[in-house]
Amino acid sequence: MAKKEEVNFEELMVKLEEITNKLEKEQLSLDESVKLFEEGMKISKECNSKLEDAEKRITIFYLLVHLIIIYYLKVVVKYLHT
């Protein structure tokens, strides 16, 4: 099964901006407008998902850094008390 190509956040934002510009500036039929709006909502949800994933990764990294600092502080304290 072919893997779906991953589109990065910046590319999605460009597509979303293009859709917004079309909706604002072009004379579109109701059907065309609804299709573009639905596509924009899909892209918006994908962007939101990518932001949530990034936030989770940052939080995990932050916690790991703090755990490492705590570990080394305990090592230093133990060394100073020996």
Protein backbone atom coordinates (compact mmCIF):
# COMPACT_ATOMS: atom_id res chain seq x y z
CA MET A 1 0.00 0.00 0.00
CA ALA A 2 1.42 3.42 -0.95
CA LYS A 3 2.16 5.78 1.91
CA LYS A 4 0.47 9.18 1.71
CA GLU A 5 3.02 11.95 1.20
CA GLU A 6 3.36 14.11 4.30
CA VAL A 7 2.69 17.82 3.74
CA ASN A 8 4.36 20.16 6.18
CA PHE A 9 2.61 22.86 8.20
CA GLU A 10 3.93 25.73 6.12
CA GLU A 11 2.67 24.19 2.87
CA LEU A 12 -0.74 23.67 4.42
CA MET A 13 -0.86 27.30 5.53
CA VAL A 14 -0.04 28.44 1.98
CA LYS A 15 -2.90 26.31 0.62
CA LEU A 16 -5.23 27.71 3.27
CA GLU A 17 -4.25 31.26 2.36
CA GLU A 18 -4.85 30.53 -1.34
CA ILE A 19 -8.32 29.21 -0.55
CA THR A 20 -9.09 32.25 1.61
CA ASN A 21 -7.98 34.59 -1.18
CA LYS A 22 -10.16 32.76 -3.72
CA LEU A 23 -13.16 32.95 -1.43
CA GLU A 24 -12.62 36.66 -0.78
CA LYS A 25 -11.71 37.88 -4.28
CA GLU A 26 -13.22 35.61 -6.90
CA GLN A 27 -16.77 35.43 -8.16
CA LEU A 28 -17.63 31.83 -7.28
CA SER A 29 -20.83 29.89 -7.42
CA LEU A 30 -22.33 28.73 -4.15
CA ASP A 31 -21.25 25.16 -4.93
CA GLU A 32 -17.66 26.23 -5.64
CA SER A 33 -17.59 28.33 -2.48
CA VAL A 34 -18.87 25.46 -0.34
CA LYS A 35 -16.30 23.05 -1.81
CA LEU A 36 -13.46 25.50 -1.15
CA PHE A 37 -14.77 26.15 2.36
CA GLU A 38 -14.88 22.41 3.09
CA GLU A 39 -11.36 21.97 1.73
CA GLY A 40 -10.22 24.89 3.89
CA MET A 41 -11.80 23.33 6.98
CA LYS A 42 -10.06 20.02 6.25
CA ILE A 43 -6.71 21.79 5.91
CA SER A 44 -7.40 23.82 9.05
CA LYS A 45 -8.04 20.62 11.03
CA GLU A 46 -4.83 19.09 9.67
CA CYS A 47 -2.89 22.22 10.72
CA ASN A 48 -4.43 22.05 14.17
CA SER A 49 -3.46 18.38 14.45
CA LYS A 50 0.12 19.18 13.47
CA LEU A 51 0.26 21.96 16.08
CA GLU A 52 -1.09 19.63 18.77
CA ASP A 53 1.51 16.98 17.84
CA ALA A 54 4.29 19.57 18.01
CA GLU A 55 3.04 20.73 21.40
CA LYS A 56 3.10 17.15 22.71
CA ARG A 57 6.65 16.61 21.45
CA ILE A 58 7.81 19.88 23.03
CA THR A 59 6.16 18.96 26.33
CA ILE A 60 7.84 15.54 26.33
CA PHE A 61 11.21 17.11 25.52
CA TYR A 62 10.73 19.68 28.30
CA LEU A 63 9.92 16.94 30.82
CA LEU A 64 12.90 14.83 29.74
CA VAL A 65 15.24 17.79 30.13
CA HIS A 66 13.92 18.40 33.62
CA LEU A 67 14.32 14.74 34.56
CA ILE A 68 17.92 14.80 33.35
CA ILE A 69 18.62 17.97 35.35
CA ILE A 70 17.09 16.43 38.48
CA TYR A 71 19.14 13.26 37.99
CA TYR A 72 22.40 15.20 37.65
CA LEU A 73 21.56 17.40 40.63
CA LYS A 74 21.08 14.25 42.73
CA VAL A 75 24.41 12.92 41.49
CA VAL A 76 26.15 16.19 42.38
CA VAL A 77 24.52 16.31 45.82
CA LYS A 78 25.51 12.70 46.50
CA TYR A 79 29.07 13.41 45.34
CA LEU A 80 29.33 16.49 47.58
CA HIS A 81 28.14 14.51 50.60
CA THR A 82 30.72 11.75 50.20
